[in-house]
Protein backbone atom coordinates (compact mmCIF):
# COMPACT_ATOMS: atom_id res chain seq x y z
CA UNK A 1 0.00 0.00 0.00
CA UNK A 2 1.16 3.48 -0.82
CA UNK A 3 2.29 5.28 2.44
CA UNK A 4 0.74 8.57 1.30
CA UNK A 5 -2.62 6.88 0.65
CA UNK A 6 -2.37 5.09 4.00
CA UNK A 7 -1.86 8.33 5.94
CA UNK A 8 -4.66 10.06 4.05
CA UNK A 9 -7.00 7.17 4.88
CA UNK A 10 -5.92 7.23 8.51
CA UNK A 11 -6.44 10.98 8.71
CA UNK A 12 -9.91 10.66 7.13
CA UNK A 13 -10.81 7.88 9.58
CA UNK A 14 -9.69 9.95 12.58
CA UNK A 15 -11.59 12.98 11.35
CA UNK A 16 -14.81 10.99 10.95
CA UNK A 17 -14.31 9.24 14.31
CA UNK A 18 -13.67 12.46 16.24
CA UNK A 19 -16.60 14.29 14.66
CA UNK A 20 -18.85 11.34 15.48
CA UNK A 21 -17.85 11.28 19.15
CA UNK A 22 -18.34 15.03 19.51
CA UNK A 23 -21.81 14.67 18.03
CA UNK A 24 -22.60 11.92 20.53
CA UNK A 25 -21.55 14.04 23.49
CA UNK A 26 -23.63 16.95 22.17
CA UNK A 27 -26.69 14.69 22.09
CA UNK A 28 -26.43 14.12 25.86
CA UNK A 29 -27.36 17.72 26.68
CA UNK A 30 -30.99 18.65 27.15
CA UNK A 31 -32.94 21.80 27.93
CA UNK A 32 -35.36 22.48 30.77
CA UNK A 33 -37.52 25.50 30.06
CA UNK A 34 -40.83 27.00 31.09
CA UNK A 35 -42.62 29.91 32.69
CA UNK A 36 -42.75 31.07 36.32
CA UNK A 37 -46.01 32.71 37.42
CA UNK A 38 -47.77 33.93 40.55
CA UNK A 39 -50.16 31.17 41.70
CA UNK A 40 -52.88 33.62 42.75
CA UNK A 41 -52.90 36.01 39.79
CA UNK A 42 -51.20 34.08 36.98
CA UNK A 43 -48.91 37.07 36.43
CA UNK A 44 -45.42 36.37 35.08
CA UNK A 45 -42.65 36.79 37.66
CA UNK A 46 -39.80 38.75 36.13
CA UNK A 47 -36.34 38.02 37.54
CA UNK A 48 -37.23 34.83 39.43
CA UNK A 49 -34.24 32.56 40.07
CA UNK A 50 -34.43 29.10 38.52
CA UNK A 51 -31.49 26.75 39.07
CA UNK A 52 -30.35 23.15 39.16
CA UNK A 53 -29.40 22.40 42.76
CA UNK A 54 -26.79 19.73 42.01
CA UNK A 55 -25.00 21.74 39.30
CA UNK A 56 -25.42 25.26 40.74
CA UNK A 57 -26.32 26.32 37.22
CA UNK A 58 -29.36 28.41 36.51
CA UNK A 59 -31.07 31.39 34.96
CA UNK A 60 -33.37 34.29 35.76
CA UNK A 61 -36.75 34.63 34.15
CA UNK A 62 -37.13 37.24 31.42
CA UNK A 63 -39.85 39.86 30.94
CA UNK A 64 -42.36 37.11 30.12
CA UNK A 65 -41.42 34.90 33.08
CA UNK A 66 -39.59 32.47 30.76
CA UNK A 67 -36.43 30.55 31.71
CA UNK A 68 -34.21 28.05 29.89
CA UNK A 69 -31.34 25.90 31.23
CA UNK A 70 -29.28 23.44 29.16
CA UNK A 71 -27.34 20.72 31.01
CA UNK A 72 -26.18 17.14 30.66
CA UNK A 73 -28.50 14.16 30.97
CA UNK A 74 -29.15 13.07 34.57
CA UNK A 75 -31.37 13.31 37.63
CA UNK A 76 -31.57 16.76 39.22
CA UNK A 77 -33.62 19.02 41.47
CA UNK A 78 -35.06 22.15 39.85
CA UNK A 79 -35.43 25.01 42.35
CA UNK A 80 -37.42 28.22 41.81
CA UNK A 81 -37.12 31.17 44.19
CA UNK A 82 -38.36 34.74 44.21
CA UNK A 83 -38.32 37.36 46.96
CA UNK A 84 -41.61 37.34 48.85
CA UNK A 85 -42.60 33.90 47.52
CA UNK A 86 -42.23 30.35 48.80
CA UNK A 87 -39.36 28.40 47.25
CA UNK A 88 -40.44 25.59 44.95
CA UNK A 89 -38.43 22.48 44.09
CA UNK A 90 -39.20 19.49 41.92
CA UNK A 91 -37.13 16.39 41.00
CA UNK A 92 -36.37 16.10 37.28
CA UNK A 93 -35.14 13.09 35.31
CA UNK A 94 -33.53 14.80 32.35
CA UNK A 95 -33.37 12.39 29.40
CA UNK A 96 -35.13 14.65 26.87
CA UNK A 97 -35.99 18.33 26.49
CA UNK A 98 -38.64 19.23 29.06
CA UNK A 99 -41.08 22.08 29.63
CA UNK A 100 -41.77 22.71 33.32
CA UNK A 101 -44.12 25.59 34.10
CA UNK A 102 -44.19 26.67 37.73
CA UNK A 103 -46.73 28.64 39.76
CA UNK A 104 -45.43 29.77 43.14
CA UNK A 105 -47.35 31.11 46.13
CA UNK A 106 -46.57 34.34 47.89
CA UNK A 107 -45.40 34.06 51.48
CA UNK A 108 -46.48 36.35 54.27
CA UNK A 109 -43.58 38.07 55.99
CA UNK A 110 -44.16 38.84 59.65
CA UNK A 111 -42.43 41.96 60.96
CA UNK A 112 -42.67 43.93 64.15
CA UNK A 113 -44.82 47.01 64.30
CA UNK A 114 -43.08 50.20 63.22
CA UNK A 115 -44.11 53.60 64.61
CA UNK A 116 -43.08 56.71 62.72
CA UNK A 117 -43.47 60.13 64.29
CA UNK A 118 -42.55 63.50 62.92
CA UNK A 119 -42.43 67.10 63.98
CA UNK A 120 -42.47 70.27 62.02
CA UNK A 121 -40.33 73.13 63.10
CA UNK A 122 -42.28 76.32 63.87
CA UNK A 123 -40.93 79.08 61.64
CA UNK A 124 -42.65 81.97 63.49
C-alpha atoms as a PDB file:
ATOM      1  CA  UNK A   1       0.000   0.000   0.000  1.00  0.00           C
ATOM      2  CA  UNK A   2       1.163   3.478  -0.820  1.00  0.00           C
ATOM      3  CA  UNK A   3       2.290   5.281   2.435  1.00  0.00           C
ATOM      4  CA  UNK A   4       0.740   8.567   1.303  1.00  0.00           C
ATOM      5  CA  UNK A   5      -2.616   6.884   0.645  1.00  0.00           C
ATOM      6  CA  UNK A   6      -2.375   5.089   4.003  1.00  0.00           C
ATOM      7  CA  UNK A   7      -1.857   8.327   5.940  1.00  0.00           C
ATOM      8  CA  UNK A   8      -4.660  10.056   4.047  1.00  0.00           C
ATOM      9  CA  UNK A   9      -7.001   7.172   4.877  1.00  0.00           C
ATOM     10  CA  UNK A  10      -5.923   7.227   8.508  1.00  0.00           C
ATOM     11  CA  UNK A  11      -6.445  10.984   8.706  1.00  0.00           C
ATOM     12  CA  UNK A  12      -9.906  10.661   7.132  1.00  0.00           C
ATOM     13  CA  UNK A  13     -10.813   7.882   9.579  1.00  0.00           C
ATOM     14  CA  UNK A  14      -9.688   9.949  12.585  1.00  0.00           C
ATOM     15  CA  UNK A  15     -11.592  12.985  11.349  1.00  0.00           C
ATOM     16  CA  UNK A  16     -14.810  10.986  10.952  1.00  0.00           C
ATOM     17  CA  UNK A  17     -14.314   9.239  14.312  1.00  0.00           C
ATOM     18  CA  UNK A  18     -13.673  12.459  16.239  1.00  0.00           C
ATOM     19  CA  UNK A  19     -16.598  14.289  14.657  1.00  0.00           C
ATOM     20  CA  UNK A  20     -18.852  11.338  15.477  1.00  0.00           C
ATOM     21  CA  UNK A  21     -17.853  11.278  19.152  1.00  0.00           C
ATOM     22  CA  UNK A  22     -18.341  15.029  19.508  1.00  0.00           C
ATOM     23  CA  UNK A  23     -21.814  14.674  18.025  1.00  0.00           C
ATOM     24  CA  UNK A  24     -22.600  11.917  20.532  1.00  0.00           C
ATOM     25  CA  UNK A  25     -21.550  14.041  23.488  1.00  0.00           C
ATOM     26  CA  UNK A  26     -23.635  16.946  22.171  1.00  0.00           C
ATOM     27  CA  UNK A  27     -26.688  14.686  22.094  1.00  0.00           C
ATOM     28  CA  UNK A  28     -26.432  14.119  25.856  1.00  0.00           C
ATOM     29  CA  UNK A  29     -27.356  17.724  26.684  1.00  0.00           C
ATOM     30  CA  UNK A  30     -30.987  18.649  27.146  1.00  0.00           C
ATOM     31  CA  UNK A  31     -32.942  21.800  27.932  1.00  0.00           C
ATOM     32  CA  UNK A  32     -35.360  22.476  30.767  1.00  0.00           C
ATOM     33  CA  UNK A  33     -37.522  25.501  30.057  1.00  0.00           C
ATOM     34  CA  UNK A  34     -40.832  27.000  31.087  1.00  0.00           C
ATOM     35  CA  UNK A  35     -42.616  29.907  32.693  1.00  0.00           C
ATOM     36  CA  UNK A  36     -42.749  31.065  36.323  1.00  0.00           C
ATOM     37  CA  UNK A  37     -46.007  32.709  37.421  1.00  0.00           C
ATOM     38  CA  UNK A  38     -47.767  33.928  40.550  1.00  0.00           C
ATOM     39  CA  UNK A  39     -50.156  31.171  41.700  1.00  0.00           C
ATOM     40  CA  UNK A  40     -52.884  33.624  42.752  1.00  0.00           C
ATOM     41  CA  UNK A  41     -52.899  36.005  39.790  1.00  0.00           C
ATOM     42  CA  UNK A  42     -51.203  34.081  36.981  1.00  0.00           C
ATOM     43  CA  UNK A  43     -48.911  37.072  36.432  1.00  0.00           C
ATOM     44  CA  UNK A  44     -45.416  36.373  35.078  1.00  0.00           C
ATOM     45  CA  UNK A  45     -42.651  36.786  37.658  1.00  0.00           C
ATOM     46  CA  UNK A  46     -39.795  38.748  36.126  1.00  0.00           C
ATOM     47  CA  UNK A  47     -36.340  38.022  37.544  1.00  0.00           C
ATOM     48  CA  UNK A  48     -37.234  34.827  39.425  1.00  0.00           C
ATOM     49  CA  UNK A  49     -34.242  32.560  40.069  1.00  0.00           C
ATOM     50  CA  UNK A  50     -34.429  29.098  38.523  1.00  0.00           C
ATOM     51  CA  UNK A  51     -31.492  26.747  39.068  1.00  0.00           C
ATOM     52  CA  UNK A  52     -30.346  23.147  39.158  1.00  0.00           C
ATOM     53  CA  UNK A  53     -29.402  22.404  42.763  1.00  0.00           C
ATOM     54  CA  UNK A  54     -26.792  19.732  42.007  1.00  0.00           C
ATOM     55  CA  UNK A  55     -25.005  21.737  39.302  1.00  0.00           C
ATOM     56  CA  UNK A  56     -25.422  25.257  40.735  1.00  0.00           C
ATOM     57  CA  UNK A  57     -26.324  26.324  37.219  1.00  0.00           C
ATOM     58  CA  UNK A  58     -29.362  28.414  36.508  1.00  0.00           C
ATOM     59  CA  UNK A  59     -31.071  31.389  34.956  1.00  0.00           C
ATOM     60  CA  UNK A  60     -33.372  34.285  35.760  1.00  0.00           C
ATOM     61  CA  UNK A  61     -36.750  34.630  34.147  1.00  0.00           C
ATOM     62  CA  UNK A  62     -37.126  37.238  31.416  1.00  0.00           C
ATOM     63  CA  UNK A  63     -39.853  39.861  30.943  1.00  0.00           C
ATOM     64  CA  UNK A  64     -42.363  37.108  30.121  1.00  0.00           C
ATOM     65  CA  UNK A  65     -41.416  34.904  33.084  1.00  0.00           C
ATOM     66  CA  UNK A  66     -39.592  32.467  30.762  1.00  0.00           C
ATOM     67  CA  UNK A  67     -36.428  30.552  31.713  1.00  0.00           C
ATOM     68  CA  UNK A  68     -34.211  28.047  29.894  1.00  0.00           C
ATOM     69  CA  UNK A  69     -31.343  25.903  31.226  1.00  0.00           C
ATOM     70  CA  UNK A  70     -29.282  23.438  29.156  1.00  0.00           C
ATOM     71  CA  UNK A  71     -27.338  20.717  31.008  1.00  0.00           C
ATOM     72  CA  UNK A  72     -26.177  17.139  30.660  1.00  0.00           C
ATOM     73  CA  UNK A  73     -28.496  14.165  30.975  1.00  0.00           C
ATOM     74  CA  UNK A  74     -29.148  13.075  34.567  1.00  0.00           C
ATOM     75  CA  UNK A  75     -31.367  13.306  37.629  1.00  0.00           C
ATOM     76  CA  UNK A  76     -31.574  16.759  39.218  1.00  0.00           C
ATOM     77  CA  UNK A  77     -33.619  19.023  41.473  1.00  0.00           C
ATOM     78  CA  UNK A  78     -35.059  22.149  39.846  1.00  0.00           C
ATOM     79  CA  UNK A  79     -35.432  25.013  42.350  1.00  0.00           C
ATOM     80  CA  UNK A  80     -37.417  28.223  41.809  1.00  0.00           C
ATOM     81  CA  UNK A  81     -37.117  31.168  44.185  1.00  0.00           C
ATOM     82  CA  UNK A  82     -38.357  34.745  44.207  1.00  0.00           C
ATOM     83  CA  UNK A  83     -38.315  37.356  46.958  1.00  0.00           C
ATOM     84  CA  UNK A  84     -41.614  37.339  48.855  1.00  0.00           C
ATOM     85  CA  UNK A  85     -42.595  33.900  47.522  1.00  0.00           C
ATOM     86  CA  UNK A  86     -42.233  30.350  48.798  1.00  0.00           C
ATOM     87  CA  UNK A  87     -39.361  28.397  47.246  1.00  0.00           C
ATOM     88  CA  UNK A  88     -40.442  25.589  44.946  1.00  0.00           C
ATOM     89  CA  UNK A  89     -38.430  22.481  44.093  1.00  0.00           C
ATOM     90  CA  UNK A  90     -39.197  19.487  41.920  1.00  0.00           C
ATOM     91  CA  UNK A  91     -37.134  16.392  40.996  1.00  0.00           C
ATOM     92  CA  UNK A  92     -36.373  16.100  37.283  1.00  0.00           C
ATOM     93  CA  UNK A  93     -35.136  13.089  35.306  1.00  0.00           C
ATOM     94  CA  UNK A  94     -33.526  14.797  32.348  1.00  0.00           C
ATOM     95  CA  UNK A  95     -33.365  12.391  29.400  1.00  0.00           C
ATOM     96  CA  UNK A  96     -35.133  14.649  26.870  1.00  0.00           C
ATOM     97  CA  UNK A  97     -35.995  18.326  26.494  1.00  0.00           C
ATOM     98  CA  UNK A  98     -38.641  19.235  29.059  1.00  0.00           C
ATOM     99  CA  UNK A  99     -41.075  22.079  29.632  1.00  0.00           C
ATOM    100  CA  UNK A 100     -41.770  22.709  33.325  1.00  0.00           C
ATOM    101  CA  UNK A 101     -44.120  25.591  34.099  1.00  0.00           C
ATOM    102  CA  UNK A 102     -44.186  26.669  37.735  1.00  0.00           C
ATOM    103  CA  UNK A 103     -46.727  28.645  39.755  1.00  0.00           C
ATOM    104  CA  UNK A 104     -45.433  29.769  43.141  1.00  0.00           C
ATOM    105  CA  UNK A 105     -47.351  31.113  46.127  1.00  0.00           C
ATOM    106  CA  UNK A 106     -46.569  34.342  47.892  1.00  0.00           C
ATOM    107  CA  UNK A 107     -45.400  34.064  51.479  1.00  0.00           C
ATOM    108  CA  UNK A 108     -46.476  36.352  54.271  1.00  0.00           C
ATOM    109  CA  UNK A 109     -43.584  38.069  55.990  1.00  0.00           C
ATOM    110  CA  UNK A 110     -44.156  38.837  59.654  1.00  0.00           C
ATOM    111  CA  UNK A 111     -42.429  41.959  60.957  1.00  0.00           C
ATOM    112  CA  UNK A 112     -42.672  43.928  64.149  1.00  0.00           C
ATOM    113  CA  UNK A 113     -44.822  47.013  64.299  1.00  0.00           C
ATOM    114  CA  UNK A 114     -43.081  50.202  63.222  1.00  0.00           C
ATOM    115  CA  UNK A 115     -44.109  53.597  64.612  1.00  0.00           C
ATOM    116  CA  UNK A 116     -43.082  56.712  62.722  1.00  0.00           C
ATOM    117  CA  UNK A 117     -43.466  60.125  64.292  1.00  0.00           C
ATOM    118  CA  UNK A 118     -42.555  63.498  62.924  1.00  0.00           C
ATOM    119  CA  UNK A 119     -42.427  67.103  63.979  1.00  0.00           C
ATOM    120  CA  UNK A 120     -42.472  70.270  62.021  1.00  0.00           C
ATOM    121  CA  UNK A 121     -40.330  73.134  63.105  1.00  0.00           C
ATOM    122  CA  UNK A 122     -42.275  76.321  63.866  1.00  0.00           C
ATOM    123  CA  UNK A 123     -40.925  79.082  61.635  1.00  0.00           C
ATOM    124  CA  UNK A 124     -42.650  81.970  63.488  1.00  0.00           C
END
